[in-house]
Amino acid sequence: TAFTYASPMIKGIFGTPERFGMMVRQGYPMVWRPADVQFLDLRERDGHPVQRVMITDDSGTIYMLDYEMVETDSGWQINGVQLLRAPEVGA
């Protein structure tokens, strides 16, 4: 299902839903099976909307990701994802 939300560029890179799914499972396991998902702020970067998403995995680890969005004939689709570094905590 996630492949249907991918932009034409992303679909062109991976070719099939199976290859795309393998990349998500290996590179973004927290996205594949999240325990919780919260959509945060939407802002613009380099002329594209970027949706910040907070994902919690089954172990309770929190991840922040930025999803670059593009508008296509099929509606808004994901054109890329960036896993953000966790902020430094402590002194």
N, C-alpha and C. Protein backbone atom coordinates (compact mmCIF):
# COMPACT_ATOMS: atom_id res chain seq x y z
N THR A 1 0.82 -1.20 0.00
CA THR A 1 0.00 0.00 0.00
C THR A 1 0.86 1.26 0.00
N ALA A 2 1.98 1.24 0.71
CA ALA A 2 2.83 2.43 0.79
C ALA A 2 3.31 2.86 -0.59
N PHE A 3 3.50 1.92 -1.49
CA PHE A 3 3.98 2.23 -2.84
C PHE A 3 3.00 3.15 -3.57
N THR A 4 1.72 3.04 -3.27
CA THR A 4 0.72 3.89 -3.92
C THR A 4 0.88 5.35 -3.51
N TYR A 5 1.51 5.63 -2.37
CA TYR A 5 1.72 7.00 -1.90
C TYR A 5 3.04 7.58 -2.40
N ALA A 6 3.84 6.77 -3.09
CA ALA A 6 5.15 7.21 -3.58
C ALA A 6 4.98 8.01 -4.87
N SER A 7 5.84 9.03 -5.03
CA SER A 7 5.81 9.86 -6.23
C SER A 7 6.29 9.06 -7.43
N PRO A 8 6.02 9.56 -8.63
CA PRO A 8 6.52 8.88 -9.83
C PRO A 8 8.04 8.69 -9.79
N MET A 9 8.79 9.67 -9.25
CA MET A 9 10.24 9.52 -9.18
C MET A 9 10.63 8.32 -8.31
N ILE A 10 10.00 8.20 -7.15
CA ILE A 10 10.29 7.08 -6.23
C ILE A 10 9.89 5.76 -6.88
N LYS A 11 8.72 5.73 -7.49
CA LYS A 11 8.28 4.51 -8.17
C LYS A 11 9.26 4.11 -9.27
N GLY A 12 9.81 5.11 -9.97
CA GLY A 12 10.77 4.83 -11.02
C GLY A 12 12.07 4.26 -10.48
N ILE A 13 12.48 4.73 -9.32
CA ILE A 13 13.72 4.23 -8.70
C ILE A 13 13.58 2.77 -8.30
N PHE A 14 12.45 2.42 -7.66
CA PHE A 14 12.29 1.07 -7.10
C PHE A 14 11.58 0.10 -8.04
N GLY A 15 10.76 0.61 -8.93
CA GLY A 15 10.15 -0.23 -9.95
C GLY A 15 8.95 -1.05 -9.53
N THR A 16 9.06 -1.76 -8.43
CA THR A 16 7.96 -2.64 -8.00
C THR A 16 7.63 -2.39 -6.53
N PRO A 17 6.40 -2.67 -6.14
CA PRO A 17 6.04 -2.56 -4.72
C PRO A 17 6.90 -3.46 -3.83
N GLU A 18 7.29 -4.61 -4.36
CA GLU A 18 8.10 -5.55 -3.57
C GLU A 18 9.48 -4.96 -3.25
N ARG A 19 10.12 -4.38 -4.24
CA ARG A 19 11.44 -3.77 -4.02
C ARG A 19 11.32 -2.56 -3.10
N PHE A 20 10.28 -1.78 -3.28
CA PHE A 20 10.05 -0.63 -2.41
C PHE A 20 9.82 -1.10 -0.97
N GLY A 21 8.99 -2.12 -0.81
CA GLY A 21 8.72 -2.66 0.52
C GLY A 21 9.97 -3.18 1.21
N MET A 22 10.85 -3.82 0.46
CA MET A 22 12.10 -4.32 1.02
C MET A 22 12.95 -3.15 1.53
N MET A 23 13.00 -2.06 0.76
CA MET A 23 13.77 -0.89 1.19
C MET A 23 13.19 -0.31 2.48
N VAL A 24 11.88 -0.21 2.55
CA VAL A 24 11.25 0.34 3.76
C VAL A 24 11.52 -0.57 4.95
N ARG A 25 11.34 -1.87 4.80
CA ARG A 25 11.57 -2.81 5.90
C ARG A 25 13.01 -2.76 6.40
N GLN A 26 13.97 -2.66 5.47
CA GLN A 26 15.38 -2.66 5.86
C GLN A 26 15.86 -1.29 6.32
N GLY A 27 15.43 -0.23 5.66
CA GLY A 27 15.95 1.10 5.95
C GLY A 27 15.14 1.90 6.95
N TYR A 28 13.85 1.59 7.05
CA TYR A 28 12.93 2.34 7.92
C TYR A 28 12.00 1.38 8.65
N PRO A 29 12.55 0.47 9.47
CA PRO A 29 11.68 -0.52 10.13
C PRO A 29 10.62 0.12 11.02
N MET A 30 10.91 1.30 11.57
CA MET A 30 9.93 1.97 12.41
C MET A 30 8.71 2.43 11.60
N VAL A 31 8.91 2.65 10.32
CA VAL A 31 7.80 3.05 9.44
C VAL A 31 6.99 1.81 9.03
N TRP A 32 7.67 0.69 8.87
CA TRP A 32 7.02 -0.54 8.41
C TRP A 32 5.98 -1.03 9.42
N ARG A 33 6.32 -1.03 10.69
CA ARG A 33 5.40 -1.51 11.73
C ARG A 33 5.41 -0.55 12.92
N PRO A 34 4.85 0.65 12.77
CA PRO A 34 4.88 1.61 13.88
C PRO A 34 3.87 1.25 14.96
N ALA A 35 4.23 1.59 16.20
CA ALA A 35 3.28 1.44 17.30
C ALA A 35 2.38 2.67 17.36
N ASP A 36 2.94 3.85 16.98
CA ASP A 36 2.18 5.10 17.00
C ASP A 36 2.74 6.05 15.96
N VAL A 37 1.85 6.81 15.34
CA VAL A 37 2.24 7.81 14.34
C VAL A 37 1.52 9.11 14.65
N GLN A 38 2.28 10.20 14.70
CA GLN A 38 1.69 11.52 14.90
C GLN A 38 2.21 12.46 13.83
N PHE A 39 1.30 13.15 13.15
CA PHE A 39 1.67 14.14 12.16
C PHE A 39 1.85 15.47 12.87
N LEU A 40 3.01 16.07 12.70
CA LEU A 40 3.34 17.31 13.37
C LEU A 40 3.23 18.47 12.37
N ASP A 41 4.19 19.37 12.36
CA ASP A 41 4.08 20.56 11.53
C ASP A 41 4.32 20.27 10.05
N LEU A 42 3.69 21.10 9.24
CA LEU A 42 3.88 21.09 7.80
C LEU A 42 4.54 22.40 7.44
N ARG A 43 5.68 22.33 6.74
CA ARG A 43 6.37 23.55 6.36
C ARG A 43 6.91 23.40 4.95
N GLU A 44 7.56 24.44 4.46
CA GLU A 44 8.10 24.40 3.11
C GLU A 44 9.62 24.41 3.14
N ARG A 45 10.22 23.59 2.27
CA ARG A 45 11.68 23.55 2.12
C ARG A 45 11.99 23.41 0.63
N ASP A 46 12.77 24.33 0.13
CA ASP A 46 13.15 24.33 -1.29
C ASP A 46 11.94 24.26 -2.21
N GLY A 47 10.87 24.95 -1.83
CA GLY A 47 9.68 25.01 -2.66
C GLY A 47 8.74 23.83 -2.56
N HIS A 48 9.06 22.87 -1.67
CA HIS A 48 8.20 21.69 -1.51
C HIS A 48 7.67 21.62 -0.09
N PRO A 49 6.42 21.21 0.07
CA PRO A 49 5.91 20.99 1.43
C PRO A 49 6.63 19.81 2.07
N VAL A 50 6.94 19.94 3.35
CA VAL A 50 7.59 18.88 4.12
C VAL A 50 6.75 18.62 5.36
N GLN A 51 6.30 17.39 5.50
CA GLN A 51 5.48 16.98 6.64
C GLN A 51 6.36 16.30 7.67
N ARG A 52 6.42 16.86 8.88
CA ARG A 52 7.16 16.23 9.98
C ARG A 52 6.25 15.19 10.63
N VAL A 53 6.81 13.99 10.84
CA VAL A 53 6.06 12.88 11.41
C VAL A 53 6.87 12.30 12.57
N MET A 54 6.19 12.04 13.69
CA MET A 54 6.82 11.40 14.84
C MET A 54 6.29 9.97 14.91
N ILE A 55 7.21 9.03 14.87
CA ILE A 55 6.85 7.60 14.88
C ILE A 55 7.46 6.96 16.12
N THR A 56 6.65 6.17 16.81
CA THR A 56 7.12 5.39 17.96
C THR A 56 7.08 3.93 17.56
N ASP A 57 8.21 3.22 17.81
CA ASP A 57 8.23 1.80 17.47
C ASP A 57 7.75 0.97 18.66
N ASP A 58 7.74 -0.35 18.51
CA ASP A 58 7.23 -1.24 19.55
C ASP A 58 8.03 -1.17 20.85
N SER A 59 9.30 -0.77 20.76
CA SER A 59 10.12 -0.70 21.98
C SER A 59 10.00 0.65 22.68
N GLY A 60 9.22 1.58 22.10
CA GLY A 60 9.03 2.89 22.70
C GLY A 60 10.01 3.94 22.21
N THR A 61 10.87 3.59 21.28
CA THR A 61 11.81 4.56 20.72
C THR A 61 11.05 5.50 19.78
N ILE A 62 11.34 6.79 19.91
CA ILE A 62 10.68 7.81 19.10
C ILE A 62 11.62 8.25 17.98
N TYR A 63 11.05 8.37 16.79
CA TYR A 63 11.79 8.80 15.60
C TYR A 63 11.07 9.99 14.99
N MET A 64 11.84 10.94 14.48
CA MET A 64 11.28 12.07 13.75
C MET A 64 11.72 11.94 12.30
N LEU A 65 10.77 12.07 11.40
CA LEU A 65 11.05 11.97 9.97
C LEU A 65 10.40 13.15 9.25
N ASP A 66 11.06 13.61 8.21
CA ASP A 66 10.50 14.63 7.33
C ASP A 66 10.15 13.97 6.00
N TYR A 67 8.90 14.12 5.60
CA TYR A 67 8.41 13.58 4.33
C TYR A 67 8.25 14.73 3.35
N GLU A 68 9.04 14.73 2.27
CA GLU A 68 8.88 15.74 1.23
C GLU A 68 7.71 15.31 0.35
N MET A 69 6.80 16.23 0.12
CA MET A 69 5.59 15.93 -0.63
C MET A 69 5.61 16.65 -1.99
N VAL A 70 5.01 16.03 -2.98
CA VAL A 70 4.82 16.66 -4.29
C VAL A 70 3.38 16.43 -4.73
N GLU A 71 2.84 17.42 -5.41
CA GLU A 71 1.49 17.27 -5.93
C GLU A 71 1.56 16.69 -7.33
N THR A 72 0.81 15.62 -7.56
CA THR A 72 0.78 14.95 -8.86
C THR A 72 -0.67 14.89 -9.33
N ASP A 73 -0.88 14.35 -10.52
CA ASP A 73 -2.24 14.17 -11.02
C ASP A 73 -3.05 13.24 -10.12
N SER A 74 -2.35 12.40 -9.35
CA SER A 74 -3.01 11.47 -8.43
C SER A 74 -3.19 12.05 -7.03
N GLY A 75 -2.81 13.31 -6.85
CA GLY A 75 -2.90 13.94 -5.53
C GLY A 75 -1.51 14.09 -4.92
N TRP A 76 -1.45 14.34 -3.62
CA TRP A 76 -0.18 14.52 -2.92
C TRP A 76 0.49 13.18 -2.72
N GLN A 77 1.79 13.12 -3.05
CA GLN A 77 2.54 11.88 -2.90
C GLN A 77 3.90 12.17 -2.25
N ILE A 78 4.49 11.12 -1.68
CA ILE A 78 5.77 11.23 -0.98
C ILE A 78 6.90 11.18 -2.01
N ASN A 79 7.79 12.19 -1.93
CA ASN A 79 8.89 12.28 -2.88
C ASN A 79 10.24 11.98 -2.22
N GLY A 80 10.24 11.75 -0.92
CA GLY A 80 11.46 11.44 -0.20
C GLY A 80 11.22 11.50 1.30
N VAL A 81 12.04 10.79 2.04
CA VAL A 81 11.94 10.76 3.51
C VAL A 81 13.32 10.97 4.09
N GLN A 82 13.39 11.80 5.11
CA GLN A 82 14.65 12.03 5.81
C GLN A 82 14.45 11.69 7.28
N LEU A 83 15.25 10.76 7.79
CA LEU A 83 15.25 10.43 9.20
C LEU A 83 16.11 11.47 9.91
N LEU A 84 15.53 12.17 10.87
CA LEU A 84 16.23 13.26 11.54
C LEU A 84 17.00 12.74 12.73
N ARG A 85 18.09 13.40 13.02
CA ARG A 85 18.89 13.04 14.19
C ARG A 85 18.14 13.41 15.46
N ALA A 86 18.27 12.57 16.46
CA ALA A 86 17.67 12.88 17.76
C ALA A 86 18.43 14.04 18.39
N PRO A 87 17.73 14.94 19.06
CA PRO A 87 18.44 16.04 19.73
C PRO A 87 19.32 15.51 20.87
N GLU A 88 20.41 16.20 21.08
CA GLU A 88 21.30 15.83 22.19
C GLU A 88 20.61 16.11 23.52
N VAL A 89 20.74 15.19 24.45
CA VAL A 89 20.09 15.34 25.76
C VAL A 89 21.19 15.31 26.81
N GLY A 90 21.06 16.17 27.82
CA GLY A 90 22.05 16.20 28.91
C GLY A 90 22.94 17.41 28.82
N ALA A 91 23.95 17.42 29.69
CA ALA A 91 24.83 18.60 29.79
C ALA A 91 25.94 18.60 28.79
